[in-house]
Structure formats: structure tokens, C-alpha cells
Amino acid sequence: MGDGRKKSKIEREERLRALSTKREQEDRRSKMWIYGTGAVLIIVLIVTVTSIMLIQSQDKNRLSAAAKKPINGVQSFAGLTRNHTLKQIPNAPYPPAGGDHSPEFINCGIYPNSIDTAKAVHSLEHGAVWITYQPDLPQTQIDALTKEAASHPYELLSPYPGLSSPIVATAWGKQLSVQSASDPRLPVFLQAYLQGPQTPEPGAPCTGGVQG
């Protein structure tokens, strides 16, 4: 009897040890899978972020290089006056690229409605680029222009009734007309002329003025 109980006890202990060993092995395999998967995900994340940063850097370098060259279709205007005036300045078919303007400047930003031209010209004097578009421009293109404008603190975006081209980009002394928001010259124009060398008052604010 005693030998039977002793043998049974030994068998139970062996089964318990076997179960414990099996659980430990399963835990190790589980931890290895978790750690291995985590390591792979971290590596993938690092590679992805590095690739994105590299692509962004390459895009920025290409944009900067393109902005240093003449941009096809850009008109230049010399001898522009810079007087402040309270007189009404009539809107032209194209937004003026300079000239006499309001003593007040418009805060740079995105405007869903038309803005005061004379005040916008003052913003150009401070180094802003004013992107104007026909009011009936497709919403998808307006959305694309809006996304671009949101990333530039010195950009104005607004519709412009009577515009004879779908989209017109204007900086002080410079202007470019394009047919689509996807035109590759638009980002180059922004790179070249936002606070560009043609700016009469570089560093002057584009916030703290008036809205619209």
C-alpha cells in the first residue's frame, strides 16, 4: 500500500513538472513571437519614417532647385508704386501684383469669399503670395489649394470674381496663371516668391492686420 501511494505521488509530481515545463515552453514561444513581431514592426516603422523623410527631403531639394530657375509663364512687373491710399482702387480682371494700396493689410490665411484687393496688395508687400481662383472652380481643386495654403503662413487664398484664368498666383511684382491646382508650377512659384527676394518689406507681419 505504502509503495503504491509513493509511486502515485511520484507520478503526480512528474505530471505536474511536465505540465509546468510545457507551460514554460509555451510562454517562451509566446514571448518570442511577441518580441519578434514587435521588433519587426519597429523596424518597419523606422524604415517607413526614414523613407518618408528621405522622399520629403528630396522633394524639398527638387523644389528649391526649380525655384532658382526661371518659371515658365511668370509675368514680371517693374516700377510698382508703394503708396498707401484710402482712395478706392478698382478691381482689375487680374489681381494687381503691386502698386498703391490700403494702409491696412489682410491677415494671411484661407478665405471662402472675396477679399479687399487694396488690402491684399499690402500683404503682398510684406512677402505674401495671393492665390486667387474663379468662384466656380471645382471643389476638388479648391480643396487641393486649401491644403497647400494651410502649410504656408504667408499665403492668401480666396476666390476672385471675373478672373479670366481658373487660378492666378500673385506675389509682389510676379504673377502666374494656371488652368489647374495640380499644375507643378504652383508649388515652385510659392517656393520662389513667398518672402522671396522681390519682397519690398521682407519679414513684415502677415498676422495682426485685418480679416478679409
Protein backbone atom coordinates (compact mmCIF):
# COMPACT_ATOMS: atom_id res chain seq x y z
CA MET A 1 0.00 0.00 0.00
CA GLY A 2 2.72 2.44 1.00
CA ASP A 3 4.72 1.72 -2.11
CA GLY A 4 1.60 2.33 -4.26
CA ARG A 5 0.88 5.69 -2.66
CA LYS A 6 4.52 6.70 -3.01
CA LYS A 7 4.52 5.69 -6.68
CA SER A 8 1.25 7.58 -7.30
CA LYS A 9 2.68 10.66 -5.61
CA ILE A 10 5.80 10.49 -7.77
CA GLU A 11 3.73 10.13 -10.91
CA ARG A 12 1.61 13.18 -9.97
CA GLU A 13 4.72 15.23 -9.33
CA GLU A 14 6.17 14.16 -12.67
CA ARG A 15 2.94 15.11 -14.45
CA LEU A 16 2.94 18.47 -12.68
CA ARG A 17 6.56 19.06 -13.64
CA ALA A 18 5.77 18.07 -17.23
CA LEU A 19 2.81 20.45 -17.32
CA SER A 20 4.91 23.23 -15.77
CA THR A 21 7.68 22.62 -18.29
CA LYS A 22 5.15 22.65 -21.15
CA ARG A 23 3.65 25.94 -19.93
CA GLU A 24 7.10 27.50 -19.61
CA GLN A 25 7.93 26.41 -23.15
CA GLU A 26 4.65 27.82 -24.45
CA ASP A 27 5.27 31.07 -22.55
CA ARG A 28 8.74 31.33 -24.07
CA ARG A 29 7.39 30.70 -27.56
CA SER A 30 4.65 33.27 -26.98
CA LYS A 31 7.11 35.87 -25.70
CA MET A 32 9.48 35.18 -28.59
CA TRP A 33 6.61 35.64 -31.05
CA ILE A 34 5.50 38.87 -29.37
CA TYR A 35 9.03 40.26 -29.13
CA GLY A 36 9.85 39.13 -32.65
CA THR A 37 6.68 40.67 -34.07
CA GLY A 38 7.31 43.87 -32.08
CA ALA A 39 10.86 44.08 -33.37
CA VAL A 40 9.68 43.60 -36.96
CA LEU A 41 7.03 46.29 -36.53
CA ILE A 42 9.59 48.68 -35.07
CA ILE A 43 11.96 48.02 -37.96
CA VAL A 44 9.15 48.52 -40.48
CA LEU A 45 8.16 51.77 -38.74
CA ILE A 46 11.75 53.05 -38.74
CA VAL A 47 12.19 52.16 -42.42
CA THR A 48 8.85 53.78 -43.32
CA VAL A 49 9.57 57.01 -41.40
CA THR A 50 13.09 57.17 -42.82
CA SER A 51 11.77 56.64 -46.35
CA ILE A 52 9.13 59.35 -45.92
CA MET A 53 11.72 61.79 -44.54
CA LEU A 54 14.08 60.97 -47.41
CA ILE A 55 11.34 61.48 -50.01
CA GLN A 56 10.28 64.77 -48.38
CA SER A 57 13.90 65.94 -48.31
CA GLN A 58 14.37 65.01 -51.97
CA ASP A 59 11.11 66.76 -52.91
CA LYS A 60 12.17 69.87 -50.99
CA ASN A 61 15.57 69.89 -52.69
CA ARG A 62 13.97 69.50 -56.13
CA LEU A 63 11.52 72.29 -55.34
CA SER A 64 14.29 74.60 -54.15
CA ALA A 65 16.35 73.86 -57.25
CA ALA A 66 13.37 74.53 -59.54
CA ALA A 67 12.58 77.79 -57.72
CA LYS A 68 16.05 79.13 -58.52
CA LYS A 69 15.38 78.80 -62.25
CA PRO A 70 13.01 80.89 -64.41
CA ILE A 71 9.43 79.64 -64.08
CA ASN A 72 7.66 79.26 -67.39
CA GLY A 73 4.71 81.62 -67.73
CA VAL A 74 5.56 84.00 -64.88
CA GLN A 75 4.97 87.66 -65.69
CA SER A 76 7.14 90.30 -64.05
CA PHE A 77 6.10 93.87 -63.25
CA ALA A 78 8.68 96.56 -62.56
CA GLY A 79 8.40 100.11 -61.23
CA LEU A 80 5.40 99.41 -58.99
CA THR A 81 4.39 102.23 -56.68
CA ARG A 82 4.02 101.56 -52.96
CA ASN A 83 1.96 104.48 -51.68
CA HIS A 84 -0.68 103.99 -49.00
CA THR A 85 -4.00 105.44 -50.02
CA LEU A 86 -7.57 105.47 -48.74
CA LYS A 87 -8.95 106.01 -52.24
CA GLN A 88 -10.97 103.23 -53.80
CA ILE A 89 -8.84 101.14 -56.14
CA PRO A 90 -10.95 99.41 -58.80
CA ASN A 91 -10.51 95.67 -59.21
CA ALA A 92 -8.81 94.63 -62.42
CA PRO A 93 -9.51 91.43 -64.38
CA TYR A 94 -6.35 90.13 -62.76
CA PRO A 95 -5.32 90.86 -59.17
CA PRO A 96 -2.69 93.61 -59.15
CA ALA A 97 0.86 92.48 -58.42
CA GLY A 98 1.65 95.69 -56.59
CA GLY A 99 1.02 99.41 -56.75
CA ASP A 100 -0.70 101.86 -54.42
CA HIS A 101 -2.67 100.07 -51.72
CA SER A 102 -4.51 100.34 -48.42
CA PRO A 103 -2.65 101.30 -45.23
CA GLU A 104 -4.12 98.10 -43.74
CA PHE A 105 -3.02 94.62 -44.70
CA ILE A 106 -5.10 91.44 -44.68
CA ASN A 107 -4.10 88.58 -42.42
CA CYS A 108 -2.72 85.73 -44.44
CA GLY A 109 -4.98 82.69 -44.48
CA ILE A 110 -7.80 80.94 -46.29
CA TYR A 111 -10.89 82.94 -47.21
CA PRO A 112 -14.02 81.35 -48.74
CA ASN A 113 -15.23 84.71 -50.05
CA SER A 114 -13.68 87.61 -51.95
CA ILE A 115 -11.30 89.85 -50.01
CA ASP A 116 -10.35 93.52 -50.29
CA THR A 117 -7.86 93.85 -53.14
CA ALA A 118 -6.17 97.02 -51.88
CA LYS A 119 -5.52 95.39 -48.50
CA ALA A 120 -4.35 92.15 -50.09
CA VAL A 121 -1.78 94.09 -52.13
CA HIS A 122 -0.40 95.43 -48.84
CA SER A 123 0.05 91.79 -47.76
CA LEU A 124 1.96 91.17 -50.99
CA GLU A 125 4.28 93.99 -49.99
CA HIS A 126 5.03 92.01 -46.82
CA GLY A 127 6.03 88.94 -48.83
CA ALA A 128 2.72 87.10 -49.15
CA VAL A 129 1.63 85.11 -52.19
CA TRP A 130 -2.04 85.52 -53.08
CA ILE A 131 -3.65 82.52 -54.78
CA THR A 132 -6.94 83.50 -56.40
CA TYR A 133 -9.39 81.28 -58.23
CA GLN A 134 -12.61 81.51 -60.19
CA PRO A 135 -15.60 81.13 -57.84
CA ASP A 136 -16.92 78.18 -59.88
CA LEU A 137 -13.66 76.23 -59.69
CA PRO A 138 -14.42 72.55 -58.92
CA GLN A 139 -14.44 71.82 -55.19
CA THR A 140 -11.76 69.16 -55.52
CA GLN A 141 -9.37 71.80 -56.85
CA ILE A 142 -10.36 74.29 -54.14
CA ASP A 143 -9.66 71.57 -51.57
CA ALA A 144 -6.21 71.00 -53.06
CA LEU A 145 -5.44 74.73 -52.96
CA THR A 146 -6.72 74.92 -49.39
CA LYS A 147 -4.49 72.06 -48.26
CA GLU A 148 -1.46 73.76 -49.80
CA ALA A 149 -2.33 77.16 -48.32
CA ALA A 150 -2.71 75.69 -44.83
CA SER A 151 1.01 74.86 -44.80
CA HIS A 152 2.21 78.39 -45.64
CA PRO A 153 1.86 81.18 -43.06
CA TYR A 154 2.50 83.82 -45.75
CA GLU A 155 -0.16 82.70 -48.22
CA LEU A 156 -3.54 84.20 -49.03
CA LEU A 157 -6.23 82.10 -50.71
CA SER A 158 -9.54 83.46 -51.94
CA PRO A 159 -11.98 83.41 -54.88
CA TYR A 160 -11.78 86.35 -57.29
CA PRO A 161 -14.85 87.13 -59.41
CA GLY A 162 -14.12 87.98 -63.03
CA LEU A 163 -10.82 86.12 -63.10
CA SER A 164 -10.08 85.20 -66.71
CA SER A 165 -7.96 82.19 -65.75
CA PRO A 166 -9.05 79.40 -63.39
CA ILE A 167 -6.22 80.10 -60.93
CA VAL A 168 -3.82 83.02 -60.63
CA ALA A 169 -0.85 83.15 -58.25
CA THR A 170 0.35 86.66 -57.41
CA ALA A 171 3.36 87.92 -55.48
CA TRP A 172 4.73 91.45 -55.41
CA GLY A 173 5.88 92.06 -58.99
CA LYS A 174 5.19 88.48 -60.12
CA GLN A 175 2.16 86.64 -61.47
CA LEU A 176 1.38 83.20 -62.86
CA SER A 177 -1.86 81.97 -64.44
CA VAL A 178 -2.63 78.24 -64.50
CA GLN A 179 -5.53 76.03 -65.50
CA SER A 180 -5.44 73.57 -62.62
CA ALA A 181 -4.48 73.25 -58.94
CA SER A 182 -2.28 70.30 -59.93
CA ASP A 183 -0.07 72.45 -62.17
CA PRO A 184 3.51 71.69 -60.98
CA ARG A 185 4.48 75.35 -61.38
CA LEU A 186 2.28 76.42 -58.46
CA PRO A 187 4.42 74.95 -55.65
CA VAL A 188 7.54 76.23 -57.42
CA PHE A 189 6.03 79.74 -57.56
CA LEU A 190 5.26 79.56 -53.84
CA GLN A 191 8.77 78.35 -53.06
CA ALA A 192 10.30 81.14 -55.14
CA TYR A 193 8.19 84.10 -54.04
CA LEU A 194 6.85 83.52 -50.52
CA GLN A 195 9.02 86.05 -48.68
CA GLY A 196 11.08 85.96 -51.87
CA PRO A 197 13.84 88.33 -52.97
CA GLN A 198 11.29 90.57 -54.75
CA THR A 199 9.54 91.32 -51.44
CA PRO A 200 9.69 95.08 -50.66
CA GLU A 201 9.31 94.53 -46.90
CA PRO A 202 10.65 91.06 -46.08
CA GLY A 203 9.89 89.95 -42.55
CA ALA A 204 6.94 92.32 -42.16
CA PRO A 205 3.99 90.55 -40.50
CA CYS A 206 1.11 88.81 -42.21
CA THR A 207 -0.86 88.49 -38.98
CA GLY A 208 -2.19 91.19 -36.71
CA GLY A 209 -3.85 93.00 -39.61
CA VAL A 210 -7.50 92.80 -40.64
CA GLN A 211 -9.66 89.90 -41.75
CA GLY A 212 -10.81 89.98 -45.34
